[in-house]
Amino acid sequence: MALRDYPAVIRRVLVVDLDVHQGNGCAVLFKDEPRVTTFSLHCAGNFFSEKQRSDLDVEVPPGAGDDEYLALLQEHLPPLFERVQPDLTFFQVQ
């Protein structure tokens, strides 16, 4: 793990989960790890398992188009990068 192996370089990690369902796996894995911030942008109508709490969850209305999706991403992602200032970012898109 980057936090363990490179503590002098990697102090903060941001996980950006942009696939259609809520990032419940990442939320559970890192819920007690203050050095990792989780962000999930997901469809409000697509929950195949129990919803978990990410550090930031943003729901996209069912049927939203590209413009609405990109507007939500633009609204939330730049301020999140500014607040977290991650040394490493993971993007989950599938």
PDB file of N, CA and C in Angstrom:
ATOM      1  N   MET A   1       0.846  -1.175   0.000  1.00  0.00           N
ATOM      2  CA  MET A   1       0.000   0.000   0.000  1.00  0.00           C
ATOM      3  C   MET A   1       0.892   1.238   0.000  1.00  0.00           C
ATOM      4  N   ALA A   2       0.517   2.200  -0.787  1.00  0.00           N
ATOM      5  CA  ALA A   2       1.321   3.416  -0.952  1.00  0.00           C
ATOM      6  C   ALA A   2       1.511   4.161   0.375  1.00  0.00           C
ATOM      7  N   LEU A   3       0.477   4.217   1.188  1.00  0.00           N
ATOM      8  CA  LEU A   3       0.592   4.916   2.473  1.00  0.00           C
ATOM      9  C   LEU A   3       1.601   4.232   3.392  1.00  0.00           C
ATOM     10  N   ARG A   4       1.668   2.929   3.325  1.00  0.00           N
ATOM     11  CA  ARG A   4       2.599   2.174   4.160  1.00  0.00           C
ATOM     12  C   ARG A   4       4.020   2.224   3.609  1.00  0.00           C
ATOM     13  N   ASP A   5       4.155   2.039   2.295  1.00  0.00           N
ATOM     14  CA  ASP A   5       5.480   1.910   1.694  1.00  0.00           C
ATOM     15  C   ASP A   5       6.170   3.241   1.408  1.00  0.00           C
ATOM     16  N   TYR A   6       5.411   4.310   1.268  1.00  0.00           N
ATOM     17  CA  TYR A   6       5.991   5.617   0.927  1.00  0.00           C
ATOM     18  C   TYR A   6       5.447   6.722   1.840  1.00  0.00           C
ATOM     19  N   PRO A   7       5.556   6.580   3.148  1.00  0.00           N
ATOM     20  CA  PRO A   7       4.942   7.548   4.061  1.00  0.00           C
ATOM     21  C   PRO A   7       5.512   8.960   3.958  1.00  0.00           C
ATOM     22  N   ALA A   8       6.726   9.101   3.495  1.00  0.00           N
ATOM     23  CA  ALA A   8       7.314  10.442   3.367  1.00  0.00           C
ATOM     24  C   ALA A   8       6.792  11.167   2.133  1.00  0.00           C
ATOM     25  N   VAL A   9       6.269  10.419   1.180  1.00  0.00           N
ATOM     26  CA  VAL A   9       5.818  10.995  -0.087  1.00  0.00           C
ATOM     27  C   VAL A   9       4.294  11.003  -0.197  1.00  0.00           C
ATOM     28  N   ILE A  10       3.658   9.921   0.222  1.00  0.00           N
ATOM     29  CA  ILE A  10       2.206   9.763   0.109  1.00  0.00           C
ATOM     30  C   ILE A  10       1.590   9.939   1.492  1.00  0.00           C
ATOM     31  N   ARG A  11       1.016  11.105   1.722  1.00  0.00           N
ATOM     32  CA  ARG A  11       0.384  11.387   3.012  1.00  0.00           C
ATOM     33  C   ARG A  11      -1.131  11.416   2.922  1.00  0.00           C
ATOM     34  N   ARG A  12      -1.645  11.769   1.744  1.00  0.00           N
ATOM     35  CA  ARG A  12      -3.093  11.861   1.552  1.00  0.00           C
ATOM     36  C   ARG A  12      -3.450  11.239   0.201  1.00  0.00           C
ATOM     37  N   VAL A  13      -4.500  10.423   0.219  1.00  0.00           N
ATOM     38  CA  VAL A  13      -4.964   9.742  -0.985  1.00  0.00           C
ATOM     39  C   VAL A  13      -6.423  10.115  -1.211  1.00  0.00           C
ATOM     40  N   LEU A  14      -6.762  10.318  -2.474  1.00  0.00           N
ATOM     41  CA  LEU A  14      -8.141  10.587  -2.868  1.00  0.00           C
ATOM     42  C   LEU A  14      -8.584   9.471  -3.797  1.00  0.00           C
ATOM     43  N   VAL A  15      -9.727   8.848  -3.485  1.00  0.00           N
ATOM     44  CA  VAL A  15     -10.336   7.844  -4.350  1.00  0.00           C
ATOM     45  C   VAL A  15     -11.571   8.480  -4.975  1.00  0.00           C
ATOM     46  N   VAL A  16     -11.557   8.588  -6.305  1.00  0.00           N
ATOM     47  CA  VAL A  16     -12.666   9.188  -7.054  1.00  0.00           C
ATOM     48  C   VAL A  16     -13.364   8.051  -7.794  1.00  0.00           C
ATOM     49  N   ASP A  17     -14.568   7.717  -7.354  1.00  0.00           N
ATOM     50  CA  ASP A  17     -15.323   6.592  -7.903  1.00  0.00           C
ATOM     51  C   ASP A  17     -16.447   7.144  -8.773  1.00  0.00           C
ATOM     52  N   LEU A  18     -16.313   6.958 -10.090  1.00  0.00           N
ATOM     53  CA  LEU A  18     -17.245   7.576 -11.031  1.00  0.00           C
ATOM     54  C   LEU A  18     -18.090   6.565 -11.793  1.00  0.00           C
ATOM     55  N   ASP A  19     -18.147   5.319 -11.335  1.00  0.00           N
ATOM     56  CA  ASP A  19     -19.017   4.395 -12.047  1.00  0.00           C
ATOM     57  C   ASP A  19     -20.460   4.552 -11.584  1.00  0.00           C
ATOM     58  N   VAL A  20     -21.357   3.815 -12.177  1.00  0.00           N
ATOM     59  CA  VAL A  20     -22.789   4.081 -12.031  1.00  0.00           C
ATOM     60  C   VAL A  20     -23.336   3.776 -10.638  1.00  0.00           C
ATOM     61  N   HIS A  21     -22.708   2.854  -9.905  1.00  0.00           N
ATOM     62  CA  HIS A  21     -23.225   2.541  -8.573  1.00  0.00           C
ATOM     63  C   HIS A  21     -22.387   3.211  -7.483  1.00  0.00           C
ATOM     64  N   GLN A  22     -22.989   3.342  -6.333  1.00  0.00           N
ATOM     65  CA  GLN A  22     -22.331   3.995  -5.205  1.00  0.00           C
ATOM     66  C   GLN A  22     -21.069   3.230  -4.817  1.00  0.00           C
ATOM     67  N   GLY A  23     -20.019   3.956  -4.493  1.00  0.00           N
ATOM     68  CA  GLY A  23     -18.727   3.364  -4.167  1.00  0.00           C
ATOM     69  C   GLY A  23     -18.684   2.757  -2.791  1.00  0.00           C
ATOM     70  N   ASN A  24     -19.565   1.804  -2.541  1.00  0.00           N
ATOM     71  CA  ASN A  24     -19.683   1.237  -1.201  1.00  0.00           C
ATOM     72  C   ASN A  24     -18.443   0.455  -0.780  1.00  0.00           C
ATOM     73  N   GLY A  25     -17.767  -0.218  -1.715  1.00  0.00           N
ATOM     74  CA  GLY A  25     -16.567  -0.975  -1.361  1.00  0.00           C
ATOM     75  C   GLY A  25     -15.455  -0.078  -0.855  1.00  0.00           C
ATOM     76  N   CYS A  26     -15.193   0.980  -1.584  1.00  0.00           N
ATOM     77  CA  CYS A  26     -14.151   1.930  -1.157  1.00  0.00           C
ATOM     78  C   CYS A  26     -14.541   2.599   0.154  1.00  0.00           C
ATOM     79  N   ALA A  27     -15.816   2.928   0.290  1.00  0.00           N
ATOM     80  CA  ALA A  27     -16.282   3.577   1.517  1.00  0.00           C
ATOM     81  C   ALA A  27     -16.033   2.690   2.732  1.00  0.00           C
ATOM     82  N   VAL A  28     -16.314   1.403   2.600  1.00  0.00           N
ATOM     83  CA  VAL A  28     -16.108   0.472   3.709  1.00  0.00           C
ATOM     84  C   VAL A  28     -14.619   0.259   3.972  1.00  0.00           C
ATOM     85  N   LEU A  29     -13.850   0.046   2.905  1.00  0.00           N
ATOM     86  CA  LEU A  29     -12.422  -0.229   3.062  1.00  0.00           C
ATOM     87  C   LEU A  29     -11.675   0.892   3.783  1.00  0.00           C
ATOM     88  N   PHE A  30     -12.073   2.138   3.515  1.00  0.00           N
ATOM     89  CA  PHE A  30     -11.313   3.275   4.032  1.00  0.00           C
ATOM     90  C   PHE A  30     -12.054   4.099   5.079  1.00  0.00           C
ATOM     91  N   LYS A  31     -13.129   3.573   5.628  1.00  0.00           N
ATOM     92  CA  LYS A  31     -13.936   4.363   6.570  1.00  0.00           C
ATOM     93  C   LYS A  31     -13.170   4.787   7.817  1.00  0.00           C
ATOM     94  N   ASP A  32     -12.201   3.994   8.236  1.00  0.00           N
ATOM     95  CA  ASP A  32     -11.421   4.318   9.436  1.00  0.00           C
ATOM     96  C   ASP A  32     -10.001   4.759   9.110  1.00  0.00           C
ATOM     97  N   GLU A  33      -9.768   5.168   7.854  1.00  0.00           N
ATOM     98  CA  GLU A  33      -8.431   5.608   7.434  1.00  0.00           C
ATOM     99  C   GLU A  33      -8.485   7.100   7.112  1.00  0.00           C
ATOM    100  N   PRO A  34      -8.087   7.961   8.055  1.00  0.00           N
ATOM    101  CA  PRO A  34      -8.223   9.404   7.853  1.00  0.00           C
ATOM    102  C   PRO A  34      -7.342   9.965   6.731  1.00  0.00           C
ATOM    103  N   ARG A  35      -6.350   9.203   6.288  1.00  0.00           N
ATOM    104  CA  ARG A  35      -5.486   9.684   5.211  1.00  0.00           C
ATOM    105  C   ARG A  35      -6.086   9.448   3.825  1.00  0.00           C
ATOM    106  N   VAL A  36      -7.203   8.718   3.766  1.00  0.00           N
ATOM    107  CA  VAL A  36      -7.865   8.433   2.492  1.00  0.00           C
ATOM    108  C   VAL A  36      -9.240   9.092   2.482  1.00  0.00           C
ATOM    109  N   THR A  37      -9.497   9.863   1.438  1.00  0.00           N
ATOM    110  CA  THR A  37     -10.804  10.491   1.229  1.00  0.00           C
ATOM    111  C   THR A  37     -11.477   9.791   0.059  1.00  0.00           C
ATOM    112  N   THR A  38     -12.739   9.410   0.245  1.00  0.00           N
ATOM    113  CA  THR A  38     -13.484   8.732  -0.815  1.00  0.00           C
ATOM    114  C   THR A  38     -14.594   9.627  -1.348  1.00  0.00           C
ATOM    115  N   PHE A  39     -14.717   9.645  -2.665  1.00  0.00           N
ATOM    116  CA  PHE A  39     -15.740  10.441  -3.362  1.00  0.00           C
ATOM    117  C   PHE A  39     -16.450   9.527  -4.343  1.00  0.00           C
ATOM    118  N   SER A  40     -17.773   9.480  -4.262  1.00  0.00           N
ATOM    119  CA  SER A  40     -18.565   8.666  -5.174  1.00  0.00           C
ATOM    120  C   SER A  40     -19.606   9.542  -5.875  1.00  0.00           C
ATOM    121  N   LEU A  41     -19.557   9.552  -7.201  1.00  0.00           N
ATOM    122  CA  LEU A  41     -20.574  10.202  -8.034  1.00  0.00           C
ATOM    123  C   LEU A  41     -21.305   9.070  -8.726  1.00  0.00           C
ATOM    124  N   HIS A  42     -22.579   8.863  -8.394  1.00  0.00           N
ATOM    125  CA  HIS A  42     -23.283   7.664  -8.825  1.00  0.00           C
ATOM    126  C   HIS A  42     -24.758   7.941  -9.087  1.00  0.00           C
ATOM    127  N   CYS A  43     -25.389   7.021  -9.801  1.00  0.00           N
ATOM    128  CA  CYS A  43     -26.811   7.143 -10.115  1.00  0.00           C
ATOM    129  C   CYS A  43     -27.647   6.930  -8.861  1.00  0.00           C
ATOM    130  N   ALA A  44     -28.570   7.832  -8.614  1.00  0.00           N
ATOM    131  CA  ALA A  44     -29.425   7.755  -7.427  1.00  0.00           C
ATOM    132  C   ALA A  44     -30.337   6.533  -7.460  1.00  0.00           C
ATOM    133  N   GLY A  45     -30.568   5.956  -8.613  1.00  0.00           N
ATOM    134  CA  GLY A  45     -31.487   4.824  -8.723  1.00  0.00           C
ATOM    135  C   GLY A  45     -30.796   3.497  -8.935  1.00  0.00           C
ATOM    136  N   ASN A  46     -29.517   3.381  -8.600  1.00  0.00           N
ATOM    137  CA  ASN A  46     -28.780   2.154  -8.902  1.00  0.00           C
ATOM    138  C   ASN A  46     -28.033   1.656  -7.666  1.00  0.00           C
ATOM    139  N   PHE A  47     -28.756   0.983  -6.781  1.00  0.00           N
ATOM    140  CA  PHE A  47     -28.144   0.422  -5.578  1.00  0.00           C
ATOM    141  C   PHE A  47     -28.404  -1.074  -5.581  1.00  0.00           C
ATOM    142  N   PHE A  48     -27.364  -1.867  -5.841  1.00  0.00           N
ATOM    143  CA  PHE A  48     -27.519  -3.315  -5.862  1.00  0.00           C
ATOM    144  C   PHE A  48     -27.142  -3.942  -4.521  1.00  0.00           C
ATOM    145  N   SER A  49     -26.597  -3.134  -3.631  1.00  0.00           N
ATOM    146  CA  SER A  49     -26.255  -3.604  -2.297  1.00  0.00           C
ATOM    147  C   SER A  49     -26.457  -2.452  -1.318  1.00  0.00           C
ATOM    148  N   GLU A  50     -26.232  -2.735  -0.055  1.00  0.00           N
ATOM    149  CA  GLU A  50     -26.460  -1.719   0.977  1.00  0.00           C
ATOM    150  C   GLU A  50     -25.588  -0.493   0.733  1.00  0.00           C
ATOM    151  N   LYS A  51     -26.201   0.664   0.790  1.00  0.00           N
ATOM    152  CA  LYS A  51     -25.479   1.924   0.603  1.00  0.00           C
ATOM    153  C   LYS A  51     -24.578   2.177   1.804  1.00  0.00           C
ATOM    154  N   GLN A  52     -23.369   2.593   1.508  1.00  0.00           N
ATOM    155  CA  GLN A  52     -22.402   2.947   2.543  1.00  0.00           C
ATOM    156  C   GLN A  52     -22.139   4.446   2.462  1.00  0.00           C
ATOM    157  N   ARG A  53     -21.400   4.958   3.405  1.00  0.00           N
ATOM    158  CA  ARG A  53     -21.138   6.395   3.440  1.00  0.00           C
ATOM    159  C   ARG A  53     -19.702   6.680   3.009  1.00  0.00           C
ATOM    160  N   SER A  54     -19.568   7.333   1.860  1.00  0.00           N
ATOM    161  CA  SER A  54     -18.266   7.838   1.429  1.00  0.00           C
ATOM    162  C   SER A  54     -18.021   9.164   2.131  1.00  0.00           C
ATOM    163  N   ASP A  55     -16.818   9.698   2.010  1.00  0.00           N
ATOM    164  CA  ASP A  55     -16.584  11.031   2.561  1.00  0.00           C
ATOM    165  C   ASP A  55     -17.419  12.059   1.819  1.00  0.00           C
ATOM    166  N   LEU A  56     -17.636  11.822   0.524  1.00  0.00           N
ATOM    167  CA  LEU A  56     -18.517  12.676  -0.270  1.00  0.00           C
ATOM    168  C   LEU A  56     -19.276  11.792  -1.254  1.00  0.00           C
ATOM    169  N   ASP A  57     -20.594  11.765  -1.115  1.00  0.00           N
ATOM    170  CA  ASP A  57     -21.475  11.039  -2.024  1.00  0.00           C
ATOM    171  C   ASP A  57     -22.330  12.046  -2.775  1.00  0.00           C
ATOM    172  N   VAL A  58     -22.330  11.954  -4.095  1.00  0.00           N
ATOM    173  CA  VAL A  58     -23.158  12.825  -4.922  1.00  0.00           C
ATOM    174  C   VAL A  58     -24.005  11.929  -5.821  1.00  0.00           C
ATOM    175  N   GLU A  59     -25.309  12.092  -5.737  1.00  0.00           N
ATOM    176  CA  GLU A  59     -26.220  11.274  -6.529  1.00  0.00           C
ATOM    177  C   GLU A  59     -26.622  12.003  -7.807  1.00  0.00           C
ATOM    178  N   VAL A  60     -26.533  11.266  -8.910  1.00  0.00           N
ATOM    179  CA  VAL A  60     -26.949  11.763 -10.219  1.00  0.00           C
ATOM    180  C   VAL A  60     -28.364  11.243 -10.452  1.00  0.00           C
ATOM    181  N   PRO A  61     -29.305  12.115 -10.808  1.00  0.00           N
ATOM    182  CA  PRO A  61     -30.676  11.650 -11.035  1.00  0.00           C
ATOM    183  C   PRO A  61     -30.741  10.630 -12.173  1.00  0.00           C
ATOM    184  N   PRO A  62     -31.583   9.602 -12.034  1.00  0.00           N
ATOM    185  CA  PRO A  62     -31.753   8.648 -13.129  1.00  0.00           C
ATOM    186  C   PRO A  62     -32.158   9.382 -14.408  1.00  0.00           C
ATOM    187  N   GLY A  63     -31.586   8.992 -15.514  1.00  0.00           N
ATOM    188  CA  GLY A  63     -31.903   9.610 -16.794  1.00  0.00           C
ATOM    189  C   GLY A  63     -31.131  10.880 -17.100  1.00  0.00           C
ATOM    190  N   ALA A  64     -30.241  11.282 -16.192  1.00  0.00           N
ATOM    191  CA  ALA A  64     -29.449  12.500 -16.428  1.00  0.00           C
ATOM    192  C   ALA A  64     -28.557  12.300 -17.643  1.00  0.00           C
ATOM    193  N   GLY A  65     -28.343  13.371 -18.369  1.00  0.00           N
ATOM    194  CA  GLY A  65     -27.479  13.320 -19.532  1.00  0.00           C
ATOM    195  C   GLY A  65     -26.060  13.733 -19.214  1.00  0.00           C
ATOM    196  N   ASP A  66     -25.244  13.770 -20.243  1.00  0.00           N
ATOM    197  CA  ASP A  66     -23.832  14.116 -20.074  1.00  0.00           C
ATOM    198  C   ASP A  66     -23.641  15.488 -19.437  1.00  0.00           C
ATOM    199  N   ASP A  67     -24.417  16.466 -19.880  1.00  0.00           N
ATOM    200  CA  ASP A  67     -24.241  17.831 -19.363  1.00  0.00           C
ATOM    201  C   ASP A  67     -24.503  17.902 -17.865  1.00  0.00           C
ATOM    202  N   GLU A  68     -25.548  17.241 -17.409  1.00  0.00           N
ATOM    203  CA  GLU A  68     -25.868  17.263 -15.979  1.00  0.00           C
ATOM    204  C   GLU A  68     -24.797  16.512 -15.175  1.00  0.00           C
ATOM    205  N   TYR A  69     -24.354  15.379 -15.687  1.00  0.00           N
ATOM    206  CA  TYR A  69     -23.306  14.602 -15.025  1.00  0.00           C
ATOM    207  C   TYR A  69     -22.020  15.423 -14.914  1.00  0.00           C
ATOM    208  N   LEU A  70     -21.603  16.012 -16.024  1.00  0.00           N
ATOM    209  CA  LEU A  70     -20.370  16.793 -16.030  1.00  0.00           C
ATOM    210  C   LEU A  70     -20.478  18.038 -15.152  1.00  0.00           C
ATOM    211  N   ALA A  71     -21.655  18.632 -15.082  1.00  0.00           N
ATOM    212  CA  ALA A  71     -21.854  19.791 -14.209  1.00  0.00           C
ATOM    213  C   ALA A  71     -21.678  19.402 -12.739  1.00  0.00           C
ATOM    214  N   LEU A  72     -22.209  18.246 -12.352  1.00  0.00           N
ATOM    215  CA  LEU A  72     -22.037  17.784 -10.969  1.00  0.00           C
ATOM    216  C   LEU A  72     -20.567  17.477 -10.671  1.00  0.00           C
ATOM    217  N   LEU A  73     -19.900  16.875 -11.629  1.00  0.00           N
ATOM    218  CA  LEU A  73     -18.475  16.594 -11.461  1.00  0.00           C
ATOM    219  C   LEU A  73     -17.677  17.889 -11.317  1.00  0.00           C
ATOM    220  N   GLN A  74     -17.971  18.863 -12.160  1.00  0.00           N
ATOM    221  CA  GLN A  74     -17.283  20.155 -12.108  1.00  0.00           C
ATOM    222  C   GLN A  74     -17.582  20.892 -10.801  1.00  0.00           C
ATOM    223  N   GLU A  75     -18.773  20.737 -10.292  1.00  0.00           N
ATOM    224  CA  GLU A  75     -19.154  21.394  -9.037  1.00  0.00           C
ATOM    225  C   GLU A  75     -18.408  20.820  -7.834  1.00  0.00           C
ATOM    226  N   HIS A  76     -18.186  19.512  -7.832  1.00  0.00           N
ATOM    227  CA  HIS A  76     -17.660  18.860  -6.638  1.00  0.00           C
ATOM    228  C   HIS A  76     -16.184  18.485  -6.686  1.00  0.00           C
ATOM    229  N   LEU A  77     -15.663  18.117  -7.849  1.00  0.00           N
ATOM    230  CA  LEU A  77     -14.297  17.601  -7.893  1.00  0.00           C
ATOM    231  C   LEU A  77     -13.210  18.656  -7.653  1.00  0.00           C
ATOM    232  N   PRO A  78     -13.232  19.816  -8.317  1.00  0.00           N
ATOM    233  CA  PRO A  78     -12.171  20.810  -8.044  1.00  0.00           C
ATOM    234  C   PRO A  78     -12.104  21.258  -6.579  1.00  0.00           C
ATOM    235  N   PRO A  79     -13.242  21.541  -5.919  1.00  0.00           N
ATOM    236  CA  PRO A  79     -13.132  21.910  -4.495  1.00  0.00           C
ATOM    237  C   PRO A  79     -12.613  20.767  -3.624  1.00  0.00           C
ATOM    238  N   LEU A  80     -12.937  19.540  -4.020  1.00  0.00           N
ATOM    239  CA  LEU A  80     -12.450  18.395  -3.256  1.00  0.00           C
ATOM    240  C   LEU A  80     -10.927  18.276  -3.375  1.00  0.00           C
ATOM    241  N   PHE A  81     -10.399  18.438  -4.585  1.00  0.00           N
ATOM    242  CA  PHE A  81      -8.945  18.436  -4.760  1.00  0.00           C
ATOM    243  C   PHE A  81      -8.303  19.565  -3.953  1.00  0.00           C
ATOM    244  N   GLU A  82      -8.925  20.712  -3.940  1.00  0.00           N
ATOM    245  CA  GLU A  82      -8.385  21.854  -3.191  1.00  0.00           C
ATOM    246  C   GLU A  82      -8.368  21.567  -1.686  1.00  0.00           C
ATOM    247  N   ARG A  83      -9.433  20.955  -1.198  1.00  0.00           N
ATOM    248  CA  ARG A  83      -9.538  20.664   0.241  1.00  0.00           C
ATOM    249  C   ARG A  83      -8.590  19.536   0.650  1.00  0.00           C
ATOM    250  N   VAL A  84      -8.571  18.451  -0.100  1.00  0.00           N
ATOM    251  CA  VAL A  84      -7.790  17.273   0.281  1.00  0.00           C
ATOM    252  C   VAL A  84      -6.309  17.430  -0.063  1.00  0.00           C
ATOM    253  N   GLN A  85      -6.016  18.039  -1.185  1.00  0.00           N
ATOM    254  CA  GLN A  85      -4.647  18.168  -1.691  1.00  0.00           C
ATOM    255  C   GLN A  85      -3.932  16.820  -1.660  1.00  0.00           C
ATOM    256  N   PRO A  86      -4.463  15.864  -2.422  1.00  0.00           N
ATOM    257  CA  PRO A  86      -3.915  14.503  -2.368  1.00  0.00           C
ATOM    258  C   PRO A  86      -2.526  14.406  -3.004  1.00  0.00           C
ATOM    259  N   ASP A  87      -1.753  13.500  -2.469  1.00  0.00           N
ATOM    260  CA  ASP A  87      -0.462  13.157  -3.049  1.00  0.00           C
ATOM    261  C   ASP A  87      -0.635  12.059  -4.094  1.00  0.00           C
ATOM    262  N   LEU A  88      -1.748  11.336  -4.002  1.00  0.00           N
ATOM    263  CA  LEU A  88      -2.050  10.244  -4.927  1.00  0.00           C
ATOM    264  C   LEU A  88      -3.550  10.191  -5.107  1.00  0.00           C
ATOM    265  N   THR A  89      -3.999  10.021  -6.356  1.00  0.00           N
ATOM    266  CA  THR A  89      -5.430   9.931  -6.645  1.00  0.00           C
ATOM    267  C   THR A  89      -5.687   8.677  -7.472  1.00  0.00           C
ATOM    268  N   PHE A  90      -6.721   7.937  -7.070  1.00  0.00           N
ATOM    269  CA  PHE A  90      -7.192   6.781  -7.833  1.00  0.00           C
ATOM    270  C   PHE A  90      -8.549   7.121  -8.432  1.00  0.00           C
ATOM    271  N   PHE A  91      -8.701   6.848  -9.725  1.00  0.00           N
ATOM    272  CA  PHE A  91      -9.984   7.035 -10.405  1.00  0.00           C
ATOM    273  C   PHE A  91     -10.572   5.671 -10.699  1.00  0.00           C
ATOM    274  N   GLN A  92     -11.774   5.429 -10.197  1.00  0.00           N
ATOM    275  CA  GLN A  92     -12.522   4.195 -10.449  1.00  0.00           C
ATOM    276  C   GLN A  92     -13.637   4.544 -11.423  1.00  0.00           C
ATOM    277  N   VAL A  93     -13.590   3.952 -12.615  1.00  0.00           N
ATOM    278  CA  VAL A  93     -14.597   4.299 -13.626  1.00  0.00           C
ATOM    279  C   VAL A  93     -15.358   3.077 -14.138  1.00  0.00           C
ATOM    280  N   GLN A  94     -15.070   1.910 -13.683  1.00  0.00           N
ATOM    281  CA  GLN A  94     -15.822   0.735 -14.106  1.00  0.00           C
ATOM    282  C   GLN A  94     -16.134  -0.139 -12.941  1.00  0.00           C
TER     283      GLN A  94
END
